[in-house]
Amino acid sequence: MTREEVDAKIVASEARTDTSFAALIGKLDVLIARMDNFDLELRQIKADMADLKKTIILTIVSTGLAVVFGVAGFNATLLNNMTASFESGKDAGQWRSEVNQRLDQTNQRLDQTIQRVDQTNQKLDETIRKLDEMLAAHEARLNEISADVKALKQERASGRK
């Protein structure tokens, strides 16, 4: 092999190496471009994740506040209902107390009225008894007078004959 042949082989080998090297550089450029693209996508994902993290935190805080206000509202409603029930029961108790008091007063008046009626009945019974006695006495006296009148009539009648 001559020097020229060796030089030609070296030149051909360098050309092949340059071609392979150029292809490799091209592939590396594509890979670097893809890596840059991947890096951009990764940054976008991180930004989206940060936004998602903020959204989740806001949602959790909003839900917590909604639960707290809901429980507070429920407690307020429950307390109002319990207070209203208590007041209603208290009013009913006062009403019942008034009704019982009036009923007691009515019963006392009724007892007094019954006592008066009993006293009046006793007086009427006594008056009727006295009137019966008087009537009996008057009947007896009328019977006596009637007997006397009969006797007088018989005397007169016998004296006329």
Protein backbone atom coordinates (compact mmCIF):
# COMPACT_ATOMS: atom_id res chain seq x y z
CA MET A 1 0.00 0.00 0.00
CA THR A 2 1.22 3.21 -0.99
CA ARG A 3 1.17 6.30 0.88
CA GLU A 4 -1.52 7.68 -1.27
CA GLU A 5 -3.67 4.69 -0.71
CA VAL A 6 -3.14 4.95 3.00
CA ASP A 7 -3.91 8.65 2.80
CA ALA A 8 -7.02 7.89 0.75
CA LYS A 9 -8.11 5.30 3.29
CA ILE A 10 -7.47 7.73 6.11
CA VAL A 11 -9.40 10.42 4.25
CA ALA A 12 -12.23 7.96 3.58
CA SER A 13 -12.14 6.84 7.17
CA GLU A 14 -12.18 10.43 8.37
CA ALA A 15 -15.07 11.15 6.02
CA ARG A 16 -16.98 8.18 7.41
CA THR A 17 -16.10 9.27 10.96
CA ASP A 18 -17.14 12.84 10.17
CA THR A 19 -20.39 11.54 8.70
CA SER A 20 -21.02 9.32 11.73
CA PHE A 21 -19.98 12.12 14.01
CA ALA A 22 -22.28 14.58 12.18
CA ALA A 23 -25.14 12.06 12.43
CA LEU A 24 -24.37 11.63 16.10
CA ILE A 25 -24.29 15.39 16.61
CA GLY A 26 -27.61 15.64 14.75
CA LYS A 27 -29.09 12.99 17.00
CA LEU A 28 -27.68 14.75 20.05
CA ASP A 29 -29.21 18.04 18.84
CA VAL A 30 -32.59 16.32 18.45
CA LEU A 31 -32.17 14.77 21.91
CA ILE A 32 -31.20 18.13 23.41
CA ALA A 33 -34.21 19.77 21.71
CA ARG A 34 -36.44 17.02 23.11
CA MET A 35 -34.87 17.49 26.57
CA ASP A 36 -35.50 21.26 26.35
CA ASN A 37 -39.07 20.53 25.29
CA PHE A 38 -39.39 18.02 28.13
CA ASP A 39 -37.97 20.61 30.54
CA LEU A 40 -40.55 23.16 29.35
CA GLU A 41 -43.35 20.63 29.73
CA LEU A 42 -42.06 19.71 33.18
CA ARG A 43 -42.02 23.40 34.22
CA GLN A 44 -45.55 23.79 32.84
CA ILE A 45 -46.65 20.73 34.83
CA LYS A 46 -45.02 22.19 37.96
CA ALA A 47 -46.82 25.50 37.38
CA ASP A 48 -50.10 23.65 36.82
CA MET A 49 -49.47 21.62 39.96
CA ALA A 50 -48.84 24.84 41.91
CA ASP A 51 -52.15 26.22 40.59
CA LEU A 52 -53.83 22.92 41.43
CA LYS A 53 -52.28 23.03 44.90
CA LYS A 54 -53.67 26.55 45.40
CA THR A 55 -57.08 25.40 44.15
CA ILE A 56 -57.08 22.41 46.48
CA ILE A 57 -56.06 24.58 49.45
CA LEU A 58 -58.77 27.12 48.62
CA THR A 59 -61.30 24.32 48.25
CA ILE A 60 -60.31 22.81 51.61
CA VAL A 61 -60.46 26.20 53.35
CA SER A 62 -63.81 27.01 51.69
CA THR A 63 -65.21 23.62 52.65
CA GLY A 64 -63.99 24.05 56.22
CA LEU A 65 -65.58 27.49 56.46
CA ALA A 66 -68.80 26.19 54.93
CA VAL A 67 -68.90 23.36 57.48
CA VAL A 68 -68.18 25.75 60.36
CA PHE A 69 -70.86 28.21 59.22
CA GLY A 70 -73.28 25.37 58.51
CA VAL A 71 -72.79 23.90 61.98
CA ALA A 72 -73.08 27.38 63.50
CA GLY A 73 -76.30 27.99 61.56
CA PHE A 74 -77.67 24.60 62.59
CA ASN A 75 -76.77 25.29 66.22
CA ALA A 76 -78.42 28.71 66.05
CA THR A 77 -81.57 27.20 64.56
CA LEU A 78 -81.57 24.42 67.11
CA LEU A 79 -81.08 26.90 69.94
CA ASN A 80 -83.91 29.09 68.63
CA ASN A 81 -86.22 26.08 68.36
CA MET A 82 -85.30 24.90 71.84
CA THR A 83 -85.85 28.40 73.26
CA ALA A 84 -89.20 28.66 71.48
CA SER A 85 -90.21 25.23 72.81
CA PHE A 86 -89.14 26.20 76.30
CA GLU A 87 -91.04 29.49 76.11
CA SER A 88 -94.08 27.66 74.75
CA GLY A 89 -93.89 25.17 77.59
CA LYS A 90 -93.40 27.97 80.08
CA ASP A 91 -96.39 29.82 78.67
CA ALA A 92 -98.42 26.61 78.75
CA GLY A 93 -97.34 26.10 82.35
CA GLN A 94 -98.42 29.62 83.25
CA TRP A 95 -101.69 29.12 81.39
CA ARG A 96 -102.23 25.80 83.16
CA SER A 97 -101.45 27.47 86.49
CA GLU A 98 -103.99 30.22 85.77
CA VAL A 99 -106.60 27.67 84.73
CA ASN A 100 -105.99 25.63 87.88
CA GLN A 101 -106.23 28.76 90.01
CA ARG A 102 -109.50 29.79 88.36
CA LEU A 103 -110.80 26.24 88.71
CA ASP A 104 -109.97 26.31 92.42
CA GLN A 105 -111.75 29.65 92.77
CA THR A 106 -114.76 28.27 90.90
CA ASN A 107 -114.77 25.17 93.12
CA GLN A 108 -114.67 27.38 96.24
CA ARG A 109 -117.56 29.46 94.93
CA LEU A 110 -119.45 26.30 94.05
CA ASP A 111 -118.85 24.92 97.55
CA GLN A 112 -120.10 28.19 99.06
CA THR A 113 -123.16 28.10 96.79
CA ILE A 114 -123.85 24.48 97.78
CA GLN A 115 -123.57 25.42 101.47
CA ARG A 116 -126.00 28.30 100.93
CA VAL A 117 -128.41 26.01 99.08
CA ASP A 118 -128.14 23.45 101.90
CA GLN A 119 -128.79 26.18 104.48
CA THR A 120 -131.73 27.45 102.41
CA ASN A 121 -133.07 23.88 102.10
CA GLN A 122 -132.78 23.43 105.86
CA LYS A 123 -134.63 26.71 106.42
CA LEU A 124 -137.26 25.70 103.88
CA ASP A 125 -137.61 22.27 105.54
CA GLU A 126 -138.00 23.99 108.91
CA THR A 127 -140.53 26.45 107.48
CA ILE A 128 -142.47 23.62 105.82
CA ARG A 129 -142.43 21.67 109.10
CA LYS A 130 -143.72 24.71 110.98
CA LEU A 131 -146.34 25.31 108.27
CA ASP A 132 -147.37 21.65 108.52
CA GLU A 133 -147.63 22.01 112.30
CA MET A 134 -149.60 25.21 111.90
CA LEU A 135 -151.81 23.61 109.27
CA ALA A 136 -152.37 20.61 111.50
CA ALA A 137 -153.18 22.93 114.41
CA HIS A 138 -155.54 24.95 112.21
CA GLU A 139 -157.15 21.76 110.89
CA ALA A 140 -157.61 20.58 114.45
CA ARG A 141 -159.03 23.94 115.42
CA LEU A 142 -161.27 23.91 112.30
CA ASN A 143 -162.41 20.42 113.22
CA GLU A 144 -163.20 21.65 116.72
CA ILE A 145 -165.04 24.66 115.34
CA SER A 146 -166.82 22.45 112.85
CA ALA A 147 -167.81 20.06 115.68
CA ASP A 148 -168.98 23.01 117.76
CA VAL A 149 -170.93 24.39 114.82
CA LYS A 150 -172.52 20.97 114.28
CA ALA A 151 -173.35 20.71 117.94
CA LEU A 152 -174.87 24.17 117.86
CA LYS A 153 -176.85 23.34 114.79
CA GLN A 154 -178.13 20.19 116.42
CA GLU A 155 -179.08 22.09 119.51
CA ARG A 156 -180.90 24.64 117.51
CA ALA A 157 -182.48 22.03 115.43
CA SER A 158 -183.51 20.10 118.47
CA GLY A 159 -184.81 23.24 120.16
CA ARG A 160 -186.99 24.08 117.18
CA LYS A 161 -188.65 20.84 117.03
